[in-house]
Amino acid sequence: MSGRNTKRLIRVAACALLSVTACAAASAEPDLAAGKALHDTECLVCHPSSHYSRAERRVDSLQRLEKQVDTCQQDVGADWDAQQSGAVVRYLNRSFYHF
């Protein structure tokens, strides 16, 4: 393969990677917005968002966060499906926990 073809192939691959990354970021934003909306409607009924940053918090891993969201949504009677629960987990993780 000539140097010219190699450079062309690298440019095409870079463009493809940027396109995939941009699409993934764009699809994640509505999910985060949906998670925030569900959180603000149901979770803030019981506790303020400062609850997530307190020193003695029980959530110390992504798995524990998923379990806690499931427990809390059951406690408040929210009838979330797996996609909605996942959106709340992703919102909380991105906004507060950073696992």
C-alpha atoms as a PDB file:
ATOM      1  CA  MET A   1       0.000   0.000   0.000  1.00  0.00           C
ATOM      2  CA  SER A   2       1.410   3.380  -0.944  1.00  0.00           C
ATOM      3  CA  GLY A   3       1.853   6.208   1.525  1.00  0.00           C
ATOM      4  CA  ARG A   4      -0.935   8.127  -0.177  1.00  0.00           C
ATOM      5  CA  ASN A   5      -3.391   5.229   0.213  1.00  0.00           C
ATOM      6  CA  THR A   6      -2.360   4.740   3.826  1.00  0.00           C
ATOM      7  CA  LYS A   7      -3.062   8.385   4.634  1.00  0.00           C
ATOM      8  CA  ARG A   8      -6.394   8.159   2.858  1.00  0.00           C
ATOM      9  CA  LEU A   9      -7.335   5.032   4.793  1.00  0.00           C
ATOM     10  CA  ILE A  10      -6.392   6.712   8.075  1.00  0.00           C
ATOM     11  CA  ARG A  11      -8.550   9.750   7.219  1.00  0.00           C
ATOM     12  CA  VAL A  12     -11.525   7.536   6.353  1.00  0.00           C
ATOM     13  CA  ALA A  13     -11.115   5.539   9.575  1.00  0.00           C
ATOM     14  CA  ALA A  14     -10.827   8.724  11.638  1.00  0.00           C
ATOM     15  CA  CYS A  15     -13.998  10.142  10.070  1.00  0.00           C
ATOM     16  CA  ALA A  16     -15.856   6.916  10.748  1.00  0.00           C
ATOM     17  CA  LEU A  17     -14.714   6.921  14.379  1.00  0.00           C
ATOM     18  CA  LEU A  18     -15.763  10.538  14.839  1.00  0.00           C
ATOM     19  CA  SER A  19     -19.168   9.785  13.343  1.00  0.00           C
ATOM     20  CA  VAL A  20     -19.736   6.841  15.667  1.00  0.00           C
ATOM     21  CA  THR A  21     -18.625   8.887  18.683  1.00  0.00           C
ATOM     22  CA  ALA A  22     -20.903  11.789  17.748  1.00  0.00           C
ATOM     23  CA  CYS A  23     -23.876   9.459  17.298  1.00  0.00           C
ATOM     24  CA  ALA A  24     -23.250   7.786  20.642  1.00  0.00           C
ATOM     25  CA  ALA A  25     -23.014  11.138  22.412  1.00  0.00           C
ATOM     26  CA  ALA A  26     -26.183  12.406  20.746  1.00  0.00           C
ATOM     27  CA  SER A  27     -28.131   9.293  21.707  1.00  0.00           C
ATOM     28  CA  ALA A  28     -26.898   9.490  25.317  1.00  0.00           C
ATOM     29  CA  GLU A  29     -28.198  13.025  25.895  1.00  0.00           C
ATOM     30  CA  PRO A  30     -31.930  12.206  25.576  1.00  0.00           C
ATOM     31  CA  ASP A  31     -31.352   9.251  27.903  1.00  0.00           C
ATOM     32  CA  LEU A  32     -29.767  11.555  30.487  1.00  0.00           C
ATOM     33  CA  ALA A  33     -32.599  14.059  30.099  1.00  0.00           C
ATOM     34  CA  ALA A  34     -35.149  11.287  30.619  1.00  0.00           C
ATOM     35  CA  GLY A  35     -33.235  10.041  33.664  1.00  0.00           C
ATOM     36  CA  LYS A  36     -33.127  13.537  35.138  1.00  0.00           C
ATOM     37  CA  ALA A  37     -36.855  14.022  34.564  1.00  0.00           C
ATOM     38  CA  LEU A  38     -37.692  10.718  36.279  1.00  0.00           C
ATOM     39  CA  HIS A  39     -35.277  11.507  39.107  1.00  0.00           C
ATOM     40  CA  ASP A  40     -36.677  14.989  39.655  1.00  0.00           C
ATOM     41  CA  THR A  41     -40.247  13.688  39.671  1.00  0.00           C
ATOM     42  CA  GLU A  42     -39.797  10.678  41.952  1.00  0.00           C
ATOM     43  CA  CYS A  43     -36.484  10.763  43.822  1.00  0.00           C
ATOM     44  CA  LEU A  44     -36.549  14.356  45.038  1.00  0.00           C
ATOM     45  CA  VAL A  45     -39.828  13.606  46.814  1.00  0.00           C
ATOM     46  CA  CYS A  46     -37.877  11.745  49.510  1.00  0.00           C
ATOM     47  CA  HIS A  47     -34.505  13.451  49.585  1.00  0.00           C
ATOM     48  CA  PRO A  48     -32.565  16.378  48.087  1.00  0.00           C
ATOM     49  CA  SER A  49     -29.829  15.846  45.515  1.00  0.00           C
ATOM     50  CA  SER A  50     -27.240  16.686  48.210  1.00  0.00           C
ATOM     51  CA  HIS A  51     -28.065  13.200  49.524  1.00  0.00           C
ATOM     52  CA  TYR A  52     -25.787  11.746  46.814  1.00  0.00           C
ATOM     53  CA  SER A  53     -22.686  13.651  47.844  1.00  0.00           C
ATOM     54  CA  ARG A  54     -22.846  13.156  51.600  1.00  0.00           C
ATOM     55  CA  ALA A  55     -19.799  11.597  53.230  1.00  0.00           C
ATOM     56  CA  GLU A  56     -21.655   8.605  54.679  1.00  0.00           C
ATOM     57  CA  ARG A  57     -23.427   7.546  51.497  1.00  0.00           C
ATOM     58  CA  ARG A  58     -24.089   3.830  51.038  1.00  0.00           C
ATOM     59  CA  VAL A  59     -23.638   3.753  47.273  1.00  0.00           C
ATOM     60  CA  ASP A  60     -20.020   2.895  46.496  1.00  0.00           C
ATOM     61  CA  SER A  61     -20.220   1.147  43.128  1.00  0.00           C
ATOM     62  CA  LEU A  62     -22.259   1.129  39.941  1.00  0.00           C
ATOM     63  CA  GLN A  63     -23.825  -2.182  40.972  1.00  0.00           C
ATOM     64  CA  ARG A  64     -24.878  -0.704  44.322  1.00  0.00           C
ATOM     65  CA  LEU A  65     -26.287   2.358  42.543  1.00  0.00           C
ATOM     66  CA  GLU A  66     -28.390   0.134  40.283  1.00  0.00           C
ATOM     67  CA  LYS A  67     -29.691  -1.764  43.313  1.00  0.00           C
ATOM     68  CA  GLN A  68     -30.436   1.436  45.231  1.00  0.00           C
ATOM     69  CA  VAL A  69     -32.355   2.960  42.302  1.00  0.00           C
ATOM     70  CA  ASP A  70     -34.386  -0.239  42.027  1.00  0.00           C
ATOM     71  CA  THR A  71     -35.134  -0.232  45.759  1.00  0.00           C
ATOM     72  CA  CYS A  72     -36.059   3.457  45.838  1.00  0.00           C
ATOM     73  CA  GLN A  73     -38.298   3.315  42.788  1.00  0.00           C
ATOM     74  CA  GLN A  74     -40.197   0.446  44.400  1.00  0.00           C
ATOM     75  CA  ASP A  75     -40.466   2.378  47.678  1.00  0.00           C
ATOM     76  CA  VAL A  76     -42.090   5.380  45.988  1.00  0.00           C
ATOM     77  CA  GLY A  77     -44.277   3.197  43.762  1.00  0.00           C
ATOM     78  CA  ALA A  78     -42.721   4.314  40.493  1.00  0.00           C
ATOM     79  CA  ASP A  79     -43.541   1.812  37.775  1.00  0.00           C
ATOM     80  CA  TRP A  80     -40.315   2.134  35.797  1.00  0.00           C
ATOM     81  CA  ASP A  81     -39.235  -0.349  33.187  1.00  0.00           C
ATOM     82  CA  ALA A  82     -35.600  -1.408  32.806  1.00  0.00           C
ATOM     83  CA  GLN A  83     -34.883   1.380  30.315  1.00  0.00           C
ATOM     84  CA  GLN A  84     -36.228   4.044  32.665  1.00  0.00           C
ATOM     85  CA  SER A  85     -34.330   2.671  35.666  1.00  0.00           C
ATOM     86  CA  GLY A  86     -31.189   2.549  33.548  1.00  0.00           C
ATOM     87  CA  ALA A  87     -31.701   6.169  32.495  1.00  0.00           C
ATOM     88  CA  VAL A  88     -31.936   7.234  36.149  1.00  0.00           C
ATOM     89  CA  VAL A  89     -28.812   5.232  37.015  1.00  0.00           C
ATOM     90  CA  ARG A  90     -26.898   6.828  34.126  1.00  0.00           C
ATOM     91  CA  TYR A  91     -28.101  10.306  35.118  1.00  0.00           C
ATOM     92  CA  LEU A  92     -27.105   9.822  38.774  1.00  0.00           C
ATOM     93  CA  ASN A  93     -23.776   8.278  37.862  1.00  0.00           C
ATOM     94  CA  ARG A  94     -22.867  11.029  35.440  1.00  0.00           C
ATOM     95  CA  SER A  95     -24.099  13.838  37.675  1.00  0.00           C
ATOM     96  CA  PHE A  96     -22.979  12.673  41.112  1.00  0.00           C
ATOM     97  CA  TYR A  97     -21.180   9.337  41.456  1.00  0.00           C
ATOM     98  CA  HIS A  98     -18.764   9.005  38.499  1.00  0.00           C
ATOM     99  CA  PHE A  99     -18.162   5.253  38.715  1.00  0.00           C
END
